[in-house]
Every structure is written in structure tokens, then in C-alpha cells.
Amino acid sequence: MQDRDLERINRLLTNAENQISEAKELLFGKQIKVKARSLERDDNGQVIEGVFNGETMIDGEGNEYPVPANYASKSKLIPGDILKLTIAEDGTFIFKQIGPVERKNLIGLLEEDDDQYYVAVGSDRYKVLLASITYFKANPGDKMTIVVPAESPSEFAAVENVIKIS
């Protein structure tokens, strides 16, 4: 077998494990930790897999790794997305989304409260990243489309777009 085949098998098994964990979480109503491939090595450095929680990536042992807000915003990461972190030889962190969760779009209004931005959808409020607000040049009161996990409750959302109607 070639290295590419082994990498593909590893990726397929990881995705299957993550889907089983998500199914168990839905079935039993509790948080199941993703099994991390903590500190494996590849040609580019150390590799860690974990789950995005809305602000950071958490590996299977509960260690947190800060995800750059610009990357999370641009990639429209939402809680439950599976990420791979490669820590390069020079210490650089390189994140890659490898297992997106099922998503749904919602429309709400942007609110600001104590320097934190939220999108209100009915009686629900979702935190959104400042990087997304500044990128879209949004202001409180703007109508926004957000992305949230389809099946599990979330306190965070990713901004899809701002709806500007003149």
C-alpha cells in the first residue's frame, strides 16, 4: 500500500468514528468526545484532530487549540465541525476542516451586547465572530443569514451573508 492509500483509509475511518459519535450523541443526548489522533507525525509535522466548539478546537483529551477568527469566519466553521491541526516544525499552526457537520441556514437580526455580537432568530440568540461582522461591514439591526448545526443545539453560528435591502 502507498502512503496516499493509508492516509485515505485513516481519513475514512476518522470520519466514520466521528459520524458514530455524532449518532450516539443524538441517540443518548450527551456529549461524546471525538477520538483524537493526538500528536501523530506526518511529513509536515505533528497532527492533531479535534472538534470546533465555536471558538477553539478541542482534541479527544480536552486540550484546546485557538482557531484564528479569520479562518473560522472565512471557512464558516460551526460547532461540531471536525478539524485537523498540523503543527509545523517551525511551530506554525495549520488548520483544515475535514468533517463538516450537517448545516441549516437561518435569518435573523444582528445585535450587540457588551462587545459581543449575536444574531437573534425568534427567541434564540447565536454568538457570531467579530471577524465576520467586520468582514461584512455589518451593523446592529442588519438582517443576516447564518449557518448553524442542523441537528444539535448551538450557542454559536457562522455568518453566511448580510441582507441589505434599500
Protein backbone atom coordinates (compact mmCIF):
# COMPACT_ATOMS: atom_id res chain seq x y z
CA MET A 1 0.00 0.00 0.00
CA GLN A 2 1.08 3.53 -0.73
CA ASP A 3 1.16 6.35 1.80
CA ARG A 4 -1.74 8.03 -0.01
CA ASP A 5 -3.87 4.90 0.43
CA LEU A 6 -3.06 4.74 4.14
CA GLU A 7 -3.88 8.43 4.56
CA ARG A 8 -7.21 7.93 2.77
CA ILE A 9 -8.06 4.89 4.93
CA ASN A 10 -7.16 6.86 8.06
CA ARG A 11 -9.36 9.77 6.93
CA LEU A 12 -12.29 7.44 6.11
CA LEU A 13 -12.02 5.68 9.50
CA THR A 14 -11.83 9.01 11.33
CA ASN A 15 -14.92 10.29 9.51
CA ALA A 16 -16.78 7.04 10.32
CA GLU A 17 -15.80 7.30 14.01
CA ASN A 18 -16.97 10.91 14.09
CA GLN A 19 -20.31 10.04 12.48
CA ILE A 20 -20.83 7.22 15.01
CA SER A 21 -20.03 9.62 17.86
CA GLU A 22 -22.50 12.15 16.47
CA ALA A 23 -25.18 9.45 16.14
CA LYS A 24 -24.57 8.34 19.76
CA GLU A 25 -24.82 11.95 20.90
CA LEU A 26 -28.17 12.32 19.16
CA LEU A 27 -29.40 8.96 20.43
CA PHE A 28 -28.27 9.30 24.05
CA GLY A 29 -28.44 13.09 24.35
CA LYS A 30 -24.97 13.55 25.80
CA GLN A 31 -21.66 14.83 24.57
CA ILE A 32 -19.40 12.09 23.19
CA LYS A 33 -15.78 13.15 22.78
CA VAL A 34 -14.15 12.65 19.41
CA LYS A 35 -11.28 10.23 19.49
CA ALA A 36 -8.23 12.32 18.63
CA ARG A 37 -5.19 11.21 16.73
CA SER A 38 -3.15 13.33 19.08
CA LEU A 39 0.40 14.17 18.14
CA GLU A 40 0.81 11.80 15.22
CA ARG A 41 3.57 12.82 12.88
CA ASP A 42 3.44 13.26 9.16
CA ASP A 43 5.86 14.80 6.69
CA ASN A 44 4.70 18.29 7.67
CA GLY A 45 4.88 17.99 11.48
CA GLN A 46 2.57 16.90 14.31
CA VAL A 47 -1.10 16.24 13.53
CA ILE A 48 -3.99 16.58 15.97
CA GLU A 49 -7.69 16.14 15.22
CA GLY A 50 -10.50 17.67 17.20
CA VAL A 51 -13.89 19.34 17.23
CA PHE A 52 -14.59 23.03 16.73
CA ASN A 53 -16.69 24.45 19.58
CA GLY A 54 -17.39 27.88 18.11
CA GLU A 55 -14.09 29.47 19.16
CA THR A 56 -11.45 26.76 19.64
CA MET A 57 -10.64 23.20 18.57
CA ILE A 58 -10.83 20.60 21.35
CA ASP A 59 -8.99 17.30 20.96
CA GLY A 60 -10.01 13.94 22.47
CA GLU A 61 -8.13 14.64 25.70
CA GLY A 62 -9.85 18.00 26.20
CA ASN A 63 -6.89 20.15 25.13
CA GLU A 64 -7.92 23.40 23.46
CA TYR A 65 -6.22 24.97 20.44
CA PRO A 66 -7.10 28.53 19.39
CA VAL A 67 -8.56 28.71 15.88
CA PRO A 68 -7.83 32.03 14.16
CA ALA A 69 -11.08 34.01 13.93
CA ASN A 70 -10.38 34.96 10.30
CA TYR A 71 -10.06 31.27 9.33
CA ALA A 72 -13.19 30.29 11.28
CA SER A 73 -15.11 33.16 9.72
CA LYS A 74 -13.90 32.60 6.16
CA SER A 75 -14.46 28.84 6.37
CA LYS A 76 -17.86 29.32 8.04
CA LEU A 77 -16.95 26.86 10.79
CA ILE A 78 -19.73 25.88 13.17
CA PRO A 79 -19.72 23.83 16.38
CA GLY A 80 -19.25 20.15 15.68
CA ASP A 81 -17.04 20.57 12.61
CA ILE A 82 -14.04 18.24 12.69
CA LEU A 83 -10.68 19.92 12.20
CA LYS A 84 -7.16 18.70 11.62
CA LEU A 85 -4.37 20.78 13.12
CA THR A 86 -0.86 20.37 11.77
CA ILE A 87 1.83 21.88 13.96
CA ALA A 88 4.72 22.51 11.58
CA GLU A 89 8.36 22.12 12.55
CA ASP A 90 8.63 25.91 12.98
CA GLY A 91 5.61 25.96 15.33
CA THR A 92 3.11 27.26 12.78
CA PHE A 93 -0.47 26.06 13.30
CA ILE A 94 -2.24 24.98 10.11
CA PHE A 95 -5.94 24.14 10.46
CA LYS A 96 -8.01 22.24 7.92
CA GLN A 97 -11.70 21.38 8.09
CA ILE A 98 -12.01 17.63 7.45
CA GLY A 99 -15.50 16.77 8.66
CA PRO A 100 -18.25 19.37 8.39
CA VAL A 101 -21.45 18.67 10.33
CA GLU A 102 -24.83 18.90 8.65
CA ARG A 103 -25.92 22.53 8.42
CA LYS A 104 -29.01 24.67 8.16
CA ASN A 105 -29.42 28.35 7.34
CA LEU A 106 -31.44 30.81 9.40
CA ILE A 107 -32.25 34.50 9.03
CA GLY A 108 -32.09 36.88 11.98
CA LEU A 109 -31.14 40.34 13.17
CA LEU A 110 -27.69 41.37 14.36
CA GLU A 111 -27.45 42.54 17.99
CA GLU A 112 -24.54 43.80 20.07
CA ASP A 113 -24.29 43.30 23.83
CA ASP A 114 -21.13 44.08 25.86
CA ASP A 115 -18.82 43.92 22.82
CA GLN A 116 -20.22 40.51 21.78
CA TYR A 117 -22.27 40.16 18.60
CA TYR A 118 -25.32 37.93 18.36
CA VAL A 119 -27.86 37.10 15.70
CA ALA A 120 -31.38 36.84 17.10
CA VAL A 121 -33.67 34.33 15.40
CA GLY A 122 -37.02 34.32 17.15
CA SER A 123 -36.28 33.69 20.83
CA ASP A 124 -32.84 32.17 20.07
CA ARG A 125 -29.57 34.14 20.08
CA TYR A 126 -26.41 32.89 18.39
CA LYS A 127 -22.92 34.29 19.04
CA VAL A 128 -21.07 35.29 15.88
CA LEU A 129 -17.41 36.17 15.44
CA LEU A 130 -16.31 39.80 15.30
CA ALA A 131 -14.17 38.89 12.26
CA SER A 132 -17.36 38.05 10.34
CA ILE A 133 -19.07 41.27 11.39
CA THR A 134 -16.14 43.42 10.29
CA TYR A 135 -15.70 41.48 7.02
CA PHE A 136 -19.35 42.04 6.05
CA LYS A 137 -19.35 45.61 7.48
CA ALA A 138 -22.49 44.71 9.39
CA ASN A 139 -24.19 46.88 11.98
CA PRO A 140 -26.62 46.07 14.78
CA GLY A 141 -30.10 45.81 13.30
CA ASP A 142 -28.88 44.36 9.99
CA LYS A 143 -30.69 41.28 8.70
CA MET A 144 -28.26 38.36 8.36
CA THR A 145 -28.19 34.80 7.08
CA ILE A 146 -26.37 32.48 9.49
CA VAL A 147 -25.34 28.82 9.45
CA VAL A 148 -25.91 26.54 12.47
CA PRO A 149 -25.69 22.79 13.08
CA ALA A 150 -28.79 21.12 11.63
CA GLU A 151 -29.40 18.62 14.40
CA SER A 152 -27.80 19.82 17.62
CA PRO A 153 -28.40 23.00 19.61
CA SER A 154 -25.64 25.58 19.40
CA GLU A 155 -24.78 28.88 21.01
CA PHE A 156 -22.57 29.85 18.03
CA ALA A 157 -23.31 30.44 14.35
CA ALA A 158 -21.29 31.31 11.26
CA VAL A 159 -22.28 34.33 9.20
CA GLU A 160 -23.30 33.41 5.66
CA ASN A 161 -24.14 36.92 4.48
CA VAL A 162 -25.76 40.26 5.29
CA ILE A 163 -29.07 41.05 3.65
CA LYS A 164 -29.03 44.70 2.69
CA ILE A 165 -32.37 45.89 1.33
CA SER A 166 -32.66 49.51 0.26
